[in-house]
Every structure is written in structure tokens, then in C-alpha cells.
Amino acid sequence: MTNVRALRPKIIHRADKICSDGAVSALCFASPKPIDLGKSTWSNRDEAVTCPRCLRLIQEKQASKASA
């Protein structure tokens, strides 16, 4: 029997807030909370992000910088 979870790649979030104990919160989270590293992971590079909500927020941020 195939492990379906092993076949699915982890979602990569954009790191936003980092706690002093090392916990990382994603850009797309409404309130700061640690990312569940069993289901997903994080990056500080925009080009590595695969989370649709994080990608949308990154694009909005870049668009506001361009227009300013």
C-alpha cells in the first residue's frame, strides 16, 4: 500500500515572524502561530514559495512597491 502523504510535496510558506524560541510564522497566517513542519515548511526566498496565499500576498506587496 502506498503512503499518499509521502507522495504529496510539502507546501512552502514565506516566513514572516520568527519567535525567540525559533518558531516561524507564515506570511499568510492571520495571527502569528508556528508552522506545522509535519505538513509544510518555510523559506525566506520569495521564489521558493508554493503556498497560494503567501504568493498572492508577495505579489500584492511587490505591486504596492512598484506603484509607490
Protein backbone atom coordinates (compact mmCIF):
# COMPACT_ATOMS: atom_id res chain seq x y z
CA MET A 1 0.00 0.00 0.00
CA THR A 2 1.35 3.42 -0.99
CA ASN A 3 1.70 6.19 1.57
CA VAL A 4 -0.22 9.06 -0.06
CA ARG A 5 1.21 11.66 2.32
CA ALA A 6 4.74 10.75 1.26
CA LEU A 7 3.83 11.38 -2.39
CA ARG A 8 2.48 14.88 -1.75
CA PRO A 9 5.14 17.59 -1.60
CA LYS A 10 5.12 19.91 1.40
CA ILE A 11 3.73 23.42 0.96
CA ILE A 12 6.43 26.06 1.29
CA HIS A 13 5.27 29.20 3.13
CA ARG A 14 7.01 32.58 3.21
CA ALA A 15 8.48 33.16 6.67
CA ASP A 16 7.11 36.32 8.28
CA LYS A 17 7.58 36.46 12.04
CA ILE A 18 10.20 34.49 13.99
CA CYS A 19 9.86 33.90 17.73
CA SER A 20 12.83 33.87 20.11
CA ASP A 21 12.39 30.10 20.58
CA GLY A 22 12.83 29.55 16.83
CA ALA A 23 9.16 29.08 15.87
CA VAL A 24 8.36 30.60 12.47
CA SER A 25 5.01 32.07 11.43
CA ALA A 26 3.91 32.22 7.79
CA LEU A 27 3.06 35.39 5.90
CA CYS A 28 -0.43 34.07 5.11
CA PHE A 29 -1.40 33.37 8.75
CA ALA A 30 -3.93 35.87 10.14
CA SER A 31 -2.36 35.75 13.59
CA PRO A 32 1.21 34.66 14.38
CA LYS A 33 1.45 30.94 15.12
CA PRO A 34 4.12 28.30 14.45
CA ILE A 35 4.10 26.50 11.09
CA ASP A 36 3.31 22.77 11.38
CA LEU A 37 6.53 21.34 9.94
CA GLY A 38 4.89 17.93 9.50
CA LYS A 39 2.60 19.33 6.80
CA SER A 40 4.58 22.24 5.40
CA THR A 41 7.86 24.10 5.64
CA TRP A 42 9.07 27.68 5.18
CA SER A 43 11.53 29.76 3.21
CA ASN A 44 12.75 33.33 3.30
CA ARG A 45 13.19 33.38 -0.51
CA ASP A 46 10.14 34.54 -2.47
CA GLU A 47 10.97 32.34 -5.49
CA ALA A 48 10.83 29.14 -3.37
CA VAL A 49 7.28 29.75 -2.03
CA THR A 50 4.48 27.39 -3.18
CA CYS A 51 1.64 28.46 -0.85
CA PRO A 52 -1.04 30.20 -2.96
CA ARG A 53 -1.99 32.66 -0.21
CA CYS A 54 1.63 33.60 0.51
CA LEU A 55 2.28 34.05 -3.23
CA ARG A 56 -0.72 36.38 -3.54
CA LEU A 57 0.47 38.48 -0.59
CA ILE A 58 4.00 38.64 -2.04
CA GLN A 59 2.61 39.84 -5.40
CA GLU A 60 0.44 42.47 -3.69
CA LYS A 61 3.45 43.71 -1.73
CA GLN A 62 5.58 43.95 -4.87
CA ALA A 63 2.78 45.75 -6.75
CA SER A 64 2.44 48.33 -3.96
CA LYS A 65 6.21 48.91 -4.01
CA ALA A 66 6.14 49.43 -7.79
CA SER A 67 3.31 51.94 -7.63
CA ALA A 68 4.82 53.90 -4.73
